Amino acid sequence: MNATGATAILDLGTNTFNLLVRSADGALVFSDKVAVRLGAGGLRDGVITPEAAQRAVEAVAQHVRSARAYGAARSFAFATSAMRSTANGAELAARIERETGQPVNVIDGDQEAAFIAAGVGQAWPELSERHLIMDIGGGSTEFIVREAGQNLWAASFALGVTRLNEHFLPNDPPNPQQWAEIDVHMATEFAPLWRALEAYPCDLLVGSSGSFDTLYNVMAHRDGRPELELGQARAEFALDQWNETSKAVQSATTEARLLMPGMLAMRAETLHFSARQIDVVLARLNARRMLLSGYALKEGVWSSIQDPQSPWRAYCW
């Protein structure tokens, strides 16, 4: 399908560069993702390595070609944790624009959280009760407390799965002592989140895209249920089956995770960190439900740029 006048949105994350192309009326035209591993080998030292930078340029060039092939008249790109937190992130953003023609907006954690919440709101528009949105990335994890379509609190934490792996360099899988150290680190860093949940208590977790998609699919295979369909906007986890799946993912080696039905290969190396982080949050919430949103940052950007007054509308080709 070639939709002339379509809009392309690129989400340049720490692990994955995602592309969304929507037609003028918002219908899905094309989507794609490339495992760039932008944070690999460098986040520990606060830099993007030359090899990762080259992968980034090539991935954006690929997405730009795809966007044009599917009729995109404009394209927006947003970079998150890896580019905003590294010494040479701005340099890479400038290089990408110079070599591909794609301007890159390096956004802060607050803006990232706002876009994510807007995306989740499209997947669950009727969700009026208070809930906690969680988006696990490679470099950071975003949380938003939302109720009746309004964000009550939001924050970004430098606790993405690649960052945790680079920081601790644990065994594969981590041994009990290493898991204990990681747990203490997460619990300490999440202190602002715990305070927010005291002020805005809720027992509903909404996981947005990424790791949650893959964990849902792995869990579905273990339970004999179908995977998510391509482009599926929403689902609900069988929470009573979560612990068994989470423990299996956390106790497996990367090689074993790769062989799990439903596993997305690009997530196998770090998915155990995602499962562990979700466990920590579920325990604090004493959650009664866990929902999945297939929509996240890209879809939130889409809703933002529909406003003629949006400041982001100028940052495209």
Foldseek 3Di string as FASTA:
>chain_A
DAAAAWEKEWEAFQFKIKIFIAHPVGHGQDIDMDGLNQVPPPVQPQAGDPSSLVSSLVVVLVRVVVCVVNNHPKYAYEYEDSLVRHPCSVVSQVVSCVRRVAHYHYDYQVVQLLLFLLFLCVLVVPAAAWEWEWEAGQQWIKIFTDHHSDTPDIDIFRQHQVSLCVNQVAPQQHDPVSLVVSLVVLVVRCVVVLVVCVVVADQEYEYEADLVLLLQQLLCVVVVHHHDDVPNFKDWDPVVSLVVSLVVLNPGGLVVQCPRGSHDNSCSHGSNSVSSSVVSVNVSNVHPIYMYGHTGNRSSVVVQVVPVPRPRVVRID
